[in-house]
Amino acid sequence: TKYSPEEIIDSSGVFSGDNMVRLETDRVKEKILSELTYIDDVTIKKKFPNTLVIELVASKPIIYVKHKNEYLVISEGFRILSKMESYDETLILIEGFDADFKKLGDKLKSLDKNKEKILKDMLFEIQKLDFQNIKSINLTDKYNLSYNYDNRINVKISDYSDLEYKMKSSKPLLTEKISSVKKGDLVYLKKAEYSFREEQTLTTENIEQDENSETYSQNTENSPN
């Protein structure tokens, strides 16, 4: 971790000579987590007669969450590690989360509890699929979710329903079927069907399929009925 053994011991509030029997390990854990922002989890074990073992899980940044005019750095354990005025592309950017931000070290929460579940499930699917080059996720409208692939393609997956299937079925289209130089929107239509429209054809009036619009049928296991 980024903390020294001395800093960890000091943050625990435990002192030499403390009564091991009466020592409340949950309270020690809570104190360490409240003192050390860059720790995601703590395990406390008593080894009688006089030893306390402290095991830490260091925080690993995984996403940026846009909050007003700042960007919150969030760990795998969903702790708010820091805030920044700008961001780079080393982590996925989350927009439209509506963060309920109070202070650093808190767990990331949204004013809309549904968005918390949607975000966790999307990140889980991304990790499970080893889905590379996802640059951002937009949760502004939870009934019109989208994510950006490779800064080229906006993938519009509608609502949260069948999320696992939508993420699984869109990956091969993005990584294998659509040319690596094309830009545009990949829209989930139904079941195993997507429509891709190149960037230059996107206008508010032009919604019909044209020569720059392609429809893909993507069959994967466990497709919804």
Protein backbone atom coordinates (compact mmCIF):
# COMPACT_ATOMS: atom_id res chain seq x y z
CA THR A 1 0.00 0.00 0.00
CA LYS A 2 1.00 3.66 -0.08
CA TYR A 3 0.98 3.69 3.73
CA SER A 4 3.86 2.73 6.00
CA PRO A 5 3.43 0.14 8.77
CA GLU A 6 3.66 2.96 11.30
CA GLU A 7 0.83 4.90 9.61
CA ILE A 8 -1.36 1.78 9.55
CA ILE A 9 -0.74 1.05 13.23
CA ASP A 10 -1.40 4.67 14.19
CA SER A 11 -4.66 4.70 12.21
CA SER A 12 -5.91 1.58 14.03
CA GLY A 13 -6.07 3.25 17.43
CA VAL A 14 -4.62 0.09 18.98
CA PHE A 15 -1.79 0.41 21.49
CA SER A 16 0.67 -2.00 23.05
CA GLY A 17 -0.87 -3.48 26.15
CA ASP A 18 -4.49 -3.18 24.99
CA ASN A 19 -6.76 -6.00 26.19
CA MET A 20 -7.04 -8.45 23.28
CA VAL A 21 -10.19 -10.07 24.62
CA ARG A 22 -12.10 -6.81 24.81
CA LEU A 23 -10.70 -5.41 21.57
CA GLU A 24 -13.51 -4.92 19.00
CA THR A 25 -12.08 -5.81 15.60
CA ASP A 26 -15.00 -4.24 13.69
CA ARG A 27 -14.33 -0.91 15.37
CA VAL A 28 -10.62 -1.16 14.51
CA LYS A 29 -11.53 -1.90 10.89
CA GLU A 30 -13.87 1.09 10.68
CA LYS A 31 -11.25 3.39 12.16
CA ILE A 32 -8.57 2.31 9.69
CA LEU A 33 -10.93 2.76 6.74
CA SER A 34 -11.95 6.20 8.00
CA GLU A 35 -8.31 7.27 8.38
CA LEU A 36 -6.77 5.74 5.24
CA THR A 37 -8.54 6.69 2.03
CA TYR A 38 -6.47 4.46 -0.28
CA ILE A 39 -7.55 1.21 1.40
CA ASP A 40 -10.54 -0.71 0.05
CA ASP A 41 -10.85 -3.37 2.75
CA VAL A 42 -9.36 -4.44 6.05
CA THR A 43 -9.28 -7.81 7.81
CA ILE A 44 -8.41 -7.93 11.49
CA LYS A 45 -7.32 -11.17 13.16
CA LYS A 46 -6.47 -11.82 16.80
CA LYS A 47 -3.57 -14.14 17.58
CA PHE A 48 -3.54 -14.75 21.28
CA PRO A 49 -2.06 -13.92 23.61
CA ASN A 50 -0.89 -10.50 22.37
CA THR A 51 -0.76 -10.17 18.56
CA LEU A 52 -3.14 -8.36 16.22
CA VAL A 53 -2.79 -9.10 12.49
CA ILE A 54 -3.98 -6.38 10.10
CA GLU A 55 -4.43 -7.33 6.44
CA LEU A 56 -5.18 -4.60 3.91
CA VAL A 57 -6.53 -4.48 0.37
CA ALA A 58 -5.03 -1.45 -1.35
CA SER A 59 -7.31 0.71 -3.45
CA LYS A 60 -6.94 0.46 -7.22
CA PRO A 61 -8.46 3.25 -9.33
CA ILE A 62 -10.81 1.92 -12.03
CA ILE A 63 -13.06 4.80 -13.18
CA TYR A 64 -13.55 8.55 -13.24
CA VAL A 65 -17.00 9.85 -12.34
CA LYS A 66 -17.89 13.30 -13.64
CA HIS A 67 -19.36 15.39 -10.82
CA LYS A 68 -20.29 18.97 -11.66
CA ASN A 69 -17.04 20.49 -12.98
CA GLU A 70 -14.75 17.90 -11.39
CA TYR A 71 -13.85 14.25 -11.81
CA LEU A 72 -13.93 11.81 -8.92
CA VAL A 73 -11.38 8.98 -8.95
CA ILE A 74 -13.10 5.75 -7.86
CA SER A 75 -11.51 2.50 -6.69
CA GLU A 76 -12.53 -1.12 -7.30
CA GLY A 77 -14.18 -1.04 -3.91
CA PHE A 78 -16.14 2.05 -5.00
CA ARG A 79 -14.31 4.38 -2.63
CA ILE A 80 -13.84 8.01 -3.66
CA LEU A 81 -10.06 8.38 -3.68
CA SER A 82 -9.57 11.90 -4.97
CA LYS A 83 -11.04 14.60 -7.17
CA MET A 84 -9.46 16.25 -10.18
CA GLU A 85 -10.11 19.20 -12.46
CA SER A 86 -9.40 17.12 -15.57
CA TYR A 87 -9.01 13.47 -16.55
CA ASP A 88 -7.03 11.32 -18.94
CA GLU A 89 -8.02 8.14 -20.77
CA THR A 90 -6.29 5.69 -18.47
CA LEU A 91 -9.64 4.98 -16.80
CA ILE A 92 -13.24 4.74 -18.03
CA LEU A 93 -15.17 7.99 -17.68
CA ILE A 94 -18.67 7.76 -16.18
CA GLU A 95 -21.12 10.52 -17.08
CA GLY A 96 -24.61 11.19 -15.79
CA PHE A 97 -24.15 9.22 -12.55
CA ASP A 98 -25.57 11.96 -10.29
CA ALA A 99 -23.04 11.34 -7.52
CA ASP A 100 -24.06 12.06 -3.94
CA PHE A 101 -20.59 13.32 -3.02
CA LYS A 102 -19.80 14.55 0.48
CA LYS A 103 -16.14 13.77 1.21
CA LEU A 104 -13.15 11.78 0.03
CA GLY A 105 -12.98 8.23 1.34
CA ASP A 106 -16.75 7.73 1.22
CA LYS A 107 -18.32 4.97 -0.84
CA LEU A 108 -19.55 6.18 -4.22
CA LYS A 109 -23.32 6.68 -4.17
CA SER A 110 -25.82 8.14 -6.60
CA LEU A 111 -28.87 10.25 -5.94
CA ASP A 112 -30.58 7.59 -8.09
CA LYS A 113 -29.99 4.18 -6.47
CA ASN A 114 -30.79 2.40 -9.75
CA LYS A 115 -27.75 4.02 -11.34
CA GLU A 116 -25.49 2.46 -8.71
CA LYS A 117 -26.62 -1.04 -9.69
CA ILE A 118 -26.46 -0.29 -13.42
CA LEU A 119 -22.89 0.99 -13.14
CA LYS A 120 -21.68 -1.92 -11.01
CA ASP A 121 -23.26 -4.44 -13.36
CA MET A 122 -21.83 -2.78 -16.47
CA LEU A 123 -18.34 -2.72 -14.96
CA PHE A 124 -18.73 -6.36 -13.95
CA GLU A 125 -19.64 -7.34 -17.53
CA ILE A 126 -16.74 -5.33 -18.96
CA GLN A 127 -14.32 -7.10 -16.65
CA LYS A 128 -15.84 -10.54 -17.26
CA LEU A 129 -15.65 -10.10 -21.03
CA ASP A 130 -12.18 -8.52 -20.89
CA PHE A 131 -13.75 -5.76 -22.97
CA GLN A 132 -10.94 -3.38 -23.91
CA ASN A 133 -11.08 0.18 -25.31
CA ILE A 134 -14.30 1.25 -23.63
CA LYS A 135 -13.68 4.94 -23.04
CA SER A 136 -16.85 6.12 -21.34
CA ILE A 137 -20.29 5.12 -20.06
CA ASN A 138 -23.24 7.51 -20.13
CA LEU A 139 -25.94 6.99 -17.48
CA THR A 140 -27.65 10.36 -17.89
CA ASP A 141 -30.87 8.68 -19.05
CA LYS A 142 -31.14 5.20 -17.51
CA TYR A 143 -33.69 4.29 -20.19
CA ASN A 144 -31.23 5.22 -22.95
CA LEU A 145 -27.89 3.89 -21.77
CA SER A 146 -24.80 4.09 -23.93
CA TYR A 147 -21.06 3.56 -23.91
CA ASN A 148 -18.25 4.73 -26.14
CA TYR A 149 -15.86 2.31 -27.80
CA ASP A 150 -12.38 3.44 -28.91
CA ASN A 151 -13.49 7.10 -29.19
CA ARG A 152 -15.15 6.08 -32.45
CA ILE A 153 -18.42 4.32 -31.83
CA ASN A 154 -21.28 5.17 -29.48
CA VAL A 155 -23.08 1.99 -28.52
CA LYS A 156 -26.71 2.64 -27.60
CA ILE A 157 -28.22 -0.23 -25.64
CA SER A 158 -31.54 1.27 -24.55
CA ASP A 159 -32.41 0.38 -20.94
CA TYR A 160 -30.92 -1.93 -18.31
CA SER A 161 -32.88 -5.03 -19.38
CA ASP A 162 -30.80 -7.94 -20.76
CA LEU A 163 -27.62 -6.02 -19.98
CA GLU A 164 -25.42 -9.13 -19.92
CA TYR A 165 -26.63 -10.17 -23.38
CA LYS A 166 -26.28 -6.67 -24.85
CA MET A 167 -22.69 -6.31 -23.67
CA LYS A 168 -21.76 -9.81 -24.82
CA SER A 169 -23.38 -9.50 -28.25
CA SER A 170 -22.01 -6.02 -29.03
CA LYS A 171 -18.37 -6.91 -28.35
CA PRO A 172 -17.71 -9.02 -31.50
CA LEU A 173 -19.41 -6.41 -33.68
CA LEU A 174 -17.06 -3.73 -32.37
CA THR A 175 -13.89 -5.81 -32.31
CA GLU A 176 -14.36 -7.98 -35.41
CA LYS A 177 -17.10 -6.92 -37.82
CA ILE A 178 -17.09 -3.12 -37.96
CA SER A 179 -14.04 -1.63 -39.66
CA SER A 180 -11.48 -0.17 -37.25
CA VAL A 181 -11.56 3.15 -39.12
CA LYS A 182 -15.31 3.70 -39.05
CA LYS A 183 -17.03 6.12 -36.68
CA GLY A 184 -20.70 6.29 -35.80
CA ASP A 185 -23.51 4.83 -33.72
CA LEU A 186 -24.18 1.15 -33.05
CA VAL A 187 -27.79 0.84 -31.92
CA TYR A 188 -29.35 -2.20 -30.27
CA LEU A 189 -32.66 -2.82 -32.03
CA LYS A 190 -34.01 -6.07 -30.67
CA LYS A 191 -32.92 -9.56 -29.73
CA ALA A 192 -29.91 -10.29 -32.00
CA GLU A 193 -30.17 -7.22 -34.20
CA TYR A 194 -28.10 -4.04 -34.31
CA SER A 195 -27.95 -1.10 -36.68
CA PHE A 196 -24.71 0.77 -37.40
CA ARG A 197 -24.76 4.23 -38.95
CA GLU A 198 -21.61 6.06 -39.88
CA GLU A 199 -20.93 9.47 -38.39
CA GLN A 200 -21.33 11.49 -41.57
CA THR A 201 -24.94 10.35 -42.02
CA LEU A 202 -26.14 11.33 -38.57
CA THR A 203 -28.65 14.19 -38.70
CA THR A 204 -31.80 14.95 -36.77
CA GLU A 205 -33.94 14.48 -39.87
CA ASN A 206 -32.25 11.49 -41.49
CA ILE A 207 -33.47 8.46 -39.56
CA GLU A 208 -34.01 6.03 -42.44
CA GLN A 209 -31.47 3.43 -43.42
CA ASP A 210 -29.22 4.54 -46.29
CA GLU A 211 -26.09 3.36 -48.04
CA ASN A 212 -23.98 4.21 -45.01
CA SER A 213 -26.21 2.31 -42.61
CA GLU A 214 -25.63 -1.36 -41.87
CA THR A 215 -27.72 -3.91 -39.99
CA TYR A 216 -26.05 -6.74 -38.12
CA SER A 217 -27.56 -9.94 -36.81
CA GLN A 218 -25.53 -11.19 -33.90
CA ASN A 219 -26.28 -14.61 -32.45
CA THR A 220 -24.91 -15.44 -29.03
CA GLU A 221 -25.89 -17.88 -26.38
CA ASN A 222 -28.62 -16.98 -23.90
CA SER A 223 -30.26 -14.40 -26.13
CA PRO A 224 -33.49 -13.00 -24.65
CA ASN A 225 -36.80 -14.13 -26.05
